[in-house]
Amino acid sequence: MERVTPPQVSGIILAGGKSRRMGKDKAFLDFGGTPLIARVIARMQAVCAPVLLVANDAAAYAPFGLPIVGDLYPGKGSLGGIFSGLQAVPTEHALVVACDMPFLNVDLLRYLIALAPQADIVVPHAIDPSSNPAHEGKKMRRAGKILARASDLHPLHAIYAKACLAPMHAQLRADDLRIISFFETVRVRIVEPAEVDRFDPQHLSFFNANTPDDFQRAATLAAAKP
């Protein structure tokens, strides 16, 4: 059987947030003996090339040895960061993640990458255990709905094609910073919970360490993992 070569997809790590809820720059917090962002970088480099950072403090992130892109639209949140990174990458598609996701699952990321040619956006539909602690360790089930609730989509754990640049740009100029607002104008492949379960049944991939409590809970979960 002919082996299918996965598409080349760049990696974009968003590190331009102000970490207001954490009270300090979460990217540099020690997580198991290494800065949290170093853990994210390692997992992204396992599946993407090249990998770049979107950050406005280039000096702080220079030690990680990655290309650094500043926000083309400062103060425009994650949408501005995705737009800036997507403009800069050399490939047609890019995998975008946030710098505060300690449990990125390499196998799930590879699955998203394999789906990239099918759509302009590949976005998971899953529970975020950091904002829904009661769902930790539980599977989420939704009966075959094509349209997911916006709160259960993960645009900061998703793949974007350069075809998204024009609608993103229009939103930025209109100061509409809700990432999913332009989804209806492009081809979207929603990765449903049952698909995520094959690689990450606890949906820990979508855990965001936004607050000190989140970070402590993530550290506890990491220590408990075999």
C-alpha atoms as a PDB file:
ATOM      1  CA  MET A   1       0.000   0.000   0.000  1.00  0.00           C
ATOM      2  CA  GLU A   2       1.313   3.436  -0.914  1.00  0.00           C
ATOM      3  CA  ARG A   3       2.421   5.462   2.072  1.00  0.00           C
ATOM      4  CA  VAL A   4       0.800   8.883   2.300  1.00  0.00           C
ATOM      5  CA  THR A   5       3.226  11.679   3.115  1.00  0.00           C
ATOM      6  CA  PRO A   6       1.752  14.101   5.635  1.00  0.00           C
ATOM      7  CA  PRO A   7       1.526  17.710   4.485  1.00  0.00           C
ATOM      8  CA  GLN A   8       4.212  20.108   5.640  1.00  0.00           C
ATOM      9  CA  VAL A   9       2.663  22.395   8.210  1.00  0.00           C
ATOM     10  CA  SER A  10       4.367  25.241  10.042  1.00  0.00           C
ATOM     11  CA  GLY A  11       3.945  25.742  13.766  1.00  0.00           C
ATOM     12  CA  ILE A  12       2.875  29.000  15.414  1.00  0.00           C
ATOM     13  CA  ILE A  13       3.065  29.436  19.189  1.00  0.00           C
ATOM     14  CA  LEU A  14       1.235  32.475  20.526  1.00  0.00           C
ATOM     15  CA  ALA A  15       3.235  34.041  23.344  1.00  0.00           C
ATOM     16  CA  GLY A  16       2.100  37.648  23.184  1.00  0.00           C
ATOM     17  CA  GLY A  17      -0.492  37.599  25.965  1.00  0.00           C
ATOM     18  CA  LYS A  18      -0.188  39.697  29.087  1.00  0.00           C
ATOM     19  CA  SER A  19      -0.831  36.825  31.563  1.00  0.00           C
ATOM     20  CA  ARG A  20      -3.036  39.091  33.685  1.00  0.00           C
ATOM     21  CA  ARG A  21      -4.853  36.197  35.380  1.00  0.00           C
ATOM     22  CA  MET A  22      -1.584  34.440  36.199  1.00  0.00           C
ATOM     23  CA  GLY A  23       0.056  37.579  37.603  1.00  0.00           C
ATOM     24  CA  LYS A  24       3.385  36.768  35.911  1.00  0.00           C
ATOM     25  CA  ASP A  25       4.508  35.611  32.476  1.00  0.00           C
ATOM     26  CA  LYS A  26       3.145  32.050  32.369  1.00  0.00           C
ATOM     27  CA  ALA A  27       5.356  31.052  29.437  1.00  0.00           C
ATOM     28  CA  PHE A  28       8.416  31.060  31.700  1.00  0.00           C
ATOM     29  CA  LEU A  29       6.920  29.276  34.704  1.00  0.00           C
ATOM     30  CA  ASP A  30       8.823  26.155  35.719  1.00  0.00           C
ATOM     31  CA  PHE A  31       6.873  23.062  34.718  1.00  0.00           C
ATOM     32  CA  GLY A  32       8.594  19.823  35.660  1.00  0.00           C
ATOM     33  CA  GLY A  33      12.025  21.418  35.588  1.00  0.00           C
ATOM     34  CA  THR A  34      11.663  23.332  32.320  1.00  0.00           C
ATOM     35  CA  PRO A  35       9.884  26.528  31.273  1.00  0.00           C
ATOM     36  CA  LEU A  36       6.315  25.817  30.231  1.00  0.00           C
ATOM     37  CA  ILE A  37       6.910  27.225  26.759  1.00  0.00           C
ATOM     38  CA  ALA A  38       9.928  24.929  26.251  1.00  0.00           C
ATOM     39  CA  ARG A  39       7.585  21.969  26.745  1.00  0.00           C
ATOM     40  CA  VAL A  40       5.214  23.415  24.131  1.00  0.00           C
ATOM     41  CA  ILE A  41       8.074  24.092  21.711  1.00  0.00           C
ATOM     42  CA  ALA A  42       9.384  20.513  21.970  1.00  0.00           C
ATOM     43  CA  ARG A  43       6.012  19.018  21.102  1.00  0.00           C
ATOM     44  CA  MET A  44       5.435  21.407  18.236  1.00  0.00           C
ATOM     45  CA  GLN A  45       8.883  20.727  16.781  1.00  0.00           C
ATOM     46  CA  ALA A  46       8.044  17.013  16.772  1.00  0.00           C
ATOM     47  CA  VAL A  47       5.326  17.597  14.161  1.00  0.00           C
ATOM     48  CA  CYS A  48       5.906  21.003  12.491  1.00  0.00           C
ATOM     49  CA  ALA A  49       8.634  22.753  10.540  1.00  0.00           C
ATOM     50  CA  PRO A  50       9.384  25.534  10.864  1.00  0.00           C
ATOM     51  CA  VAL A  51       8.082  26.603  14.287  1.00  0.00           C
ATOM     52  CA  LEU A  52       7.899  30.290  15.153  1.00  0.00           C
ATOM     53  CA  LEU A  53       6.818  32.389  18.101  1.00  0.00           C
ATOM     54  CA  VAL A  54       4.458  35.335  17.971  1.00  0.00           C
ATOM     55  CA  ALA A  55       5.707  37.578  20.767  1.00  0.00           C
ATOM     56  CA  ASN A  56       6.388  41.255  21.286  1.00  0.00           C
ATOM     57  CA  ASP A  57       9.313  40.828  23.696  1.00  0.00           C
ATOM     58  CA  ALA A  58      11.856  39.369  21.303  1.00  0.00           C
ATOM     59  CA  ALA A  59      14.729  39.585  23.801  1.00  0.00           C
ATOM     60  CA  ALA A  60      12.921  37.466  26.383  1.00  0.00           C
ATOM     61  CA  TYR A  61      12.213  34.673  23.888  1.00  0.00           C
ATOM     62  CA  ALA A  62      15.520  34.803  21.990  1.00  0.00           C
ATOM     63  CA  PRO A  63      17.130  32.033  24.125  1.00  0.00           C
ATOM     64  CA  PHE A  64      14.718  29.486  22.669  1.00  0.00           C
ATOM     65  CA  GLY A  65      16.314  29.906  19.247  1.00  0.00           C
ATOM     66  CA  LEU A  66      13.108  30.216  17.217  1.00  0.00           C
ATOM     67  CA  PRO A  67      12.102  32.884  14.711  1.00  0.00           C
ATOM     68  CA  ILE A  68      10.056  35.548  16.487  1.00  0.00           C
ATOM     69  CA  VAL A  69       7.299  37.564  14.846  1.00  0.00           C
ATOM     70  CA  GLY A  70       5.817  40.667  16.450  1.00  0.00           C
ATOM     71  CA  ASP A  71       2.124  41.482  16.324  1.00  0.00           C
ATOM     72  CA  LEU A  72       1.236  43.311  13.124  1.00  0.00           C
ATOM     73  CA  TYR A  73      -1.857  44.583  14.956  1.00  0.00           C
ATOM     74  CA  PRO A  74      -0.777  45.129  18.589  1.00  0.00           C
ATOM     75  CA  GLY A  75      -3.539  44.884  21.144  1.00  0.00           C
ATOM     76  CA  LYS A  76      -5.776  42.770  18.897  1.00  0.00           C
ATOM     77  CA  GLY A  77      -5.603  39.628  20.992  1.00  0.00           C
ATOM     78  CA  SER A  78      -5.229  36.083  19.731  1.00  0.00           C
ATOM     79  CA  LEU A  79      -6.790  36.873  16.360  1.00  0.00           C
ATOM     80  CA  GLY A  80      -4.042  39.410  15.731  1.00  0.00           C
ATOM     81  CA  GLY A  81      -1.430  36.868  16.792  1.00  0.00           C
ATOM     82  CA  ILE A  82      -2.749  34.168  14.466  1.00  0.00           C
ATOM     83  CA  PHE A  83      -2.870  36.643  11.587  1.00  0.00           C
ATOM     84  CA  SER A  84       0.702  37.806  12.237  1.00  0.00           C
ATOM     85  CA  GLY A  85       2.068  34.277  12.413  1.00  0.00           C
ATOM     86  CA  LEU A  86       0.139  33.027   9.398  1.00  0.00           C
ATOM     87  CA  GLN A  87       1.441  35.932   7.322  1.00  0.00           C
ATOM     88  CA  ALA A  88       4.996  34.939   8.213  1.00  0.00           C
ATOM     89  CA  VAL A  89       5.052  31.172   7.697  1.00  0.00           C
ATOM     90  CA  PRO A  90       6.328  29.736   4.382  1.00  0.00           C
ATOM     91  CA  THR A  91       3.799  26.886   4.190  1.00  0.00           C
ATOM     92  CA  GLU A  92       0.179  26.925   3.077  1.00  0.00           C
ATOM     93  CA  HIS A  93      -1.050  25.702   6.475  1.00  0.00           C
ATOM     94  CA  ALA A  94      -0.001  26.381  10.049  1.00  0.00           C
ATOM     95  CA  LEU A  95      -0.809  24.701  13.341  1.00  0.00           C
ATOM     96  CA  VAL A  96      -1.530  27.347  15.978  1.00  0.00           C
ATOM     97  CA  VAL A  97      -1.322  26.729  19.731  1.00  0.00           C
ATOM     98  CA  ALA A  98      -1.048  28.895  22.832  1.00  0.00           C
ATOM     99  CA  CYS A  99       2.076  28.939  24.969  1.00  0.00           C
ATOM    100  CA  ASP A 100       0.208  27.762  28.086  1.00  0.00           C
ATOM    101  CA  MET A 101      -0.890  24.282  26.944  1.00  0.00           C
ATOM    102  CA  PRO A 102       1.219  21.753  28.883  1.00  0.00           C
ATOM    103  CA  PHE A 103      -0.443  18.583  27.602  1.00  0.00           C
ATOM    104  CA  LEU A 104      -0.212  18.889  23.836  1.00  0.00           C
ATOM    105  CA  ASN A 105      -0.618  15.391  22.396  1.00  0.00           C
ATOM    106  CA  VAL A 106       1.747  14.704  19.513  1.00  0.00           C
ATOM    107  CA  ASP A 107      -0.444  11.957  18.040  1.00  0.00           C
ATOM    108  CA  LEU A 108      -3.500  14.218  18.059  1.00  0.00           C
ATOM    109  CA  LEU A 109      -1.481  17.022  16.456  1.00  0.00           C
ATOM    110  CA  ARG A 110      -0.376  14.651  13.708  1.00  0.00           C
ATOM    111  CA  TYR A 111      -4.004  13.721  13.116  1.00  0.00           C
ATOM    112  CA  LEU A 112      -4.970  17.383  12.709  1.00  0.00           C
ATOM    113  CA  ILE A 113      -2.075  17.876  10.300  1.00  0.00           C
ATOM    114  CA  ALA A 114      -3.209  14.919   8.190  1.00  0.00           C
ATOM    115  CA  LEU A 115      -6.601  16.614   7.812  1.00  0.00           C
ATOM    116  CA  ALA A 116      -5.131  19.977   6.761  1.00  0.00           C
ATOM    117  CA  PRO A 117      -5.626  19.516   2.986  1.00  0.00           C
ATOM    118  CA  GLN A 118      -9.364  19.001   3.509  1.00  0.00           C
ATOM    119  CA  ALA A 119     -10.204  22.494   4.734  1.00  0.00           C
ATOM    120  CA  ASP A 120      -9.090  26.042   5.468  1.00  0.00           C
ATOM    121  CA  ILE A 121      -9.491  25.429   9.210  1.00  0.00           C
ATOM    122  CA  VAL A 122      -9.191  22.195  11.176  1.00  0.00           C
ATOM    123  CA  VAL A 123     -10.510  22.835  14.679  1.00  0.00           C
ATOM    124  CA  PRO A 124     -11.236  20.405  17.530  1.00  0.00           C
ATOM    125  CA  HIS A 125     -14.578  20.289  19.320  1.00  0.00           C
ATOM    126  CA  ALA A 126     -13.896  19.116  22.880  1.00  0.00           C
ATOM    127  CA  ILE A 127     -14.173  19.879  26.567  1.00  0.00           C
ATOM    128  CA  ASP A 128     -11.466  22.084  28.084  1.00  0.00           C
ATOM    129  CA  PRO A 129     -10.720  20.422  31.441  1.00  0.00           C
ATOM    130  CA  SER A 130      -9.050  23.566  32.779  1.00  0.00           C
ATOM    131  CA  SER A 131     -12.338  25.467  32.582  1.00  0.00           C
ATOM    132  CA  ASN A 132     -14.477  22.389  33.294  1.00  0.00           C
ATOM    133  CA  PRO A 133     -12.739  20.551  36.175  1.00  0.00           C
ATOM    134  CA  ALA A 134     -15.698  18.227  36.645  1.00  0.00           C
ATOM    135  CA  HIS A 135     -14.982  16.718  33.223  1.00  0.00           C
ATOM    136  CA  GLU A 136     -11.411  15.672  33.959  1.00  0.00           C
ATOM    137  CA  GLY A 137     -11.000  12.022  33.068  1.00  0.00           C
ATOM    138  CA  LYS A 138     -14.431  11.834  31.452  1.00  0.00           C
ATOM    139  CA  LYS A 139     -15.322  11.523  27.806  1.00  0.00           C
ATOM    140  CA  MET A 140     -17.550  14.072  26.163  1.00  0.00           C
ATOM    141  CA  ARG A 141     -20.306  12.713  23.945  1.00  0.00           C
ATOM    142  CA  ARG A 142     -22.387  14.680  21.474  1.00  0.00           C
ATOM    143  CA  ALA A 143     -24.643  12.983  18.985  1.00  0.00           C
ATOM    144  CA  GLY A 144     -23.368  13.681  15.457  1.00  0.00           C
ATOM    145  CA  LYS A 145     -23.858  17.434  15.281  1.00  0.00           C
ATOM    146  CA  ILE A 146     -22.118  19.208  12.446  1.00  0.00           C
ATOM    147  CA  LEU A 147     -22.174  22.571  14.181  1.00  0.00           C
ATOM    148  CA  ALA A 148     -20.507  22.688  17.591  1.00  0.00           C
ATOM    149  CA  ARG A 149     -21.136  25.116  20.401  1.00  0.00           C
ATOM    150  CA  ALA A 150     -18.666  27.964  20.071  1.00  0.00           C
ATOM    151  CA  SER A 151     -17.491  27.480  23.656  1.00  0.00           C
ATOM    152  CA  ASP A 152     -16.403  23.923  22.834  1.00  0.00           C
ATOM    153  CA  LEU A 153     -14.295  24.819  19.790  1.00  0.00           C
ATOM    154  CA  HIS A 154     -10.552  25.325  20.244  1.00  0.00           C
ATOM    155  CA  PRO A 155      -9.247  27.935  17.787  1.00  0.00           C
ATOM    156  CA  LEU A 156      -5.948  28.072  19.685  1.00  0.00           C
ATOM    157  CA  HIS A 157      -5.360  24.381  19.010  1.00  0.00           C
ATOM    158  CA  ALA A 158      -6.185  24.444  15.320  1.00  0.00           C
ATOM    159  CA  ILE A 159      -4.807  24.523  11.792  1.00  0.00           C
ATOM    160  CA  TYR A 160      -5.296  27.532   9.515  1.00  0.00           C
ATOM    161  CA  ALA A 161      -4.662  27.927   5.794  1.00  0.00           C
ATOM    162  CA  LYS A 162      -3.458  31.144   4.220  1.00  0.00           C
ATOM    163  CA  ALA A 163      -6.940  31.419   2.687  1.00  0.00           C
ATOM    164  CA  CYS A 164      -7.965  32.648   6.152  1.00  0.00           C
ATOM    165  CA  LEU A 165      -5.768  35.752   5.962  1.00  0.00           C
ATOM    166  CA  ALA A 166      -8.210  37.952   4.024  1.00  0.00           C
ATOM    167  CA  PRO A 167     -11.238  37.336   6.296  1.00  0.00           C
ATOM    168  CA  MET A 168      -9.015  37.680   9.368  1.00  0.00           C
ATOM    169  CA  HIS A 169      -7.706  40.981   8.076  1.00  0.00           C
ATOM    170  CA  ALA A 170     -11.239  42.252   7.510  1.00  0.00           C
ATOM    171  CA  GLN A 171     -12.163  41.366  11.081  1.00  0.00           C
ATOM    172  CA  LEU A 172      -9.103  43.049  12.514  1.00  0.00           C
ATOM    173  CA  ARG A 173      -9.863  46.251  10.630  1.00  0.00           C
ATOM    174  CA  ALA A 174     -13.449  46.079  11.915  1.00  0.00           C
ATOM    175  CA  ASP A 175     -12.125  45.457  15.461  1.00  0.00           C
ATOM    176  CA  ASP A 176     -14.090  42.201  15.657  1.00  0.00           C
ATOM    177  CA  LEU A 177     -11.654  40.073  17.635  1.00  0.00           C
ATOM    178  CA  ARG A 178     -13.762  36.946  18.128  1.00  0.00           C
ATOM    179  CA  ILE A 179     -11.742  34.345  16.256  1.00  0.00           C
ATOM    180  CA  ILE A 180     -14.630  32.162  15.128  1.00  0.00           C
ATOM    181  CA  SER A 181     -16.575  35.065  13.610  1.00  0.00           C
ATOM    182  CA  PHE A 182     -15.069  34.433  10.168  1.00  0.00           C
ATOM    183  CA  PHE A 183     -15.396  30.630  10.235  1.00  0.00           C
ATOM    184  CA  GLU A 184     -18.599  30.687   8.204  1.00  0.00           C
ATOM    185  CA  THR A 185     -16.731  32.327   5.302  1.00  0.00           C
ATOM    186  CA  VAL A 186     -14.160  29.514   4.874  1.00  0.00           C
ATOM    187  CA  ARG A 187     -14.103  25.710   4.760  1.00  0.00           C
ATOM    188  CA  VAL A 188     -14.052  24.303   8.286  1.00  0.00           C
ATOM    189  CA  ARG A 189     -13.336  20.724   9.344  1.00  0.00           C
ATOM    190  CA  ILE A 190     -14.543  20.181  12.909  1.00  0.00           C
ATOM    191  CA  VAL A 191     -12.750  17.356  14.690  1.00  0.00           C
ATOM    192  CA  GLU A 192     -15.445  15.833  16.839  1.00  0.00           C
ATOM    193  CA  PRO A 193     -15.021  14.551  20.417  1.00  0.00           C
ATOM    194  CA  ALA A 194     -15.064  10.901  19.336  1.00  0.00           C
ATOM    195  CA  GLU A 195     -12.092  11.592  17.050  1.00  0.00           C
ATOM    196  CA  VAL A 196     -10.207  13.360  19.835  1.00  0.00           C
ATOM    197  CA  ASP A 197     -10.941  10.431  22.175  1.00  0.00           C
ATOM    198  CA  ARG A 198      -8.855   8.121  19.986  1.00  0.00           C
ATOM    199  CA  PHE A 199      -5.715  10.019  20.963  1.00  0.00           C
ATOM    200  CA  ASP A 200      -6.620  11.892  24.141  1.00  0.00           C
ATOM    201  CA  PRO A 201      -9.642  10.429  25.969  1.00  0.00           C
ATOM    202  CA  GLN A 202      -9.278  12.908  28.850  1.00  0.00           C
ATOM    203  CA  HIS A 203      -9.048  15.890  26.471  1.00  0.00           C
ATOM    204  CA  LEU A 204      -6.046  17.186  28.406  1.00  0.00           C
ATOM    205  CA  SER A 205      -4.646  18.587  25.148  1.00  0.00           C
ATOM    206  CA  PHE A 206      -6.958  21.562  25.639  1.00  0.00           C
ATOM    207  CA  PHE A 207      -5.911  22.372  29.213  1.00  0.00           C
ATOM    208  CA  ASN A 208      -4.877  26.034  29.484  1.00  0.00           C
ATOM    209  CA  ALA A 209      -2.798  27.159  32.464  1.00  0.00           C
ATOM    210  CA  ASN A 210      -4.327  30.623  32.742  1.00  0.00           C
ATOM    211  CA  THR A 211      -4.366  31.100  36.518  1.00  0.00           C
ATOM    212  CA  PRO A 212      -2.220  29.992  39.487  1.00  0.00           C
ATOM    213  CA  ASP A 213      -4.889  27.410  40.336  1.00  0.00           C
ATOM    214  CA  ASP A 214      -4.853  26.085  36.761  1.00  0.00           C
ATOM    215  CA  PHE A 215      -1.075  25.846  36.850  1.00  0.00           C
ATOM    216  CA  GLN A 216      -1.047  23.985  40.140  1.00  0.00           C
ATOM    217  CA  ARG A 217      -3.701  21.556  38.912  1.00  0.00           C
ATOM    218  CA  ALA A 218      -1.704  20.992  35.696  1.00  0.00           C
ATOM    219  CA  ALA A 219       1.426  20.261  37.720  1.00  0.00           C
ATOM    220  CA  THR A 220      -0.507  17.778  39.857  1.00  0.00           C
ATOM    221  CA  LEU A 221      -1.905  16.064  36.752  1.00  0.00           C
ATOM    222  CA  ALA A 222       1.532  15.883  35.163  1.00  0.00           C
ATOM    223  CA  ALA A 223       3.029  14.335  38.288  1.00  0.00           C
ATOM    224  CA  ALA A 224       0.296  11.701  38.328  1.00  0.00           C
ATOM    225  CA  LYS A 225       0.783  10.685  34.688  1.00  0.00           C
ATOM    226  CA  PRO A 226       2.789   7.452  34.269  1.00  0.00           C
END
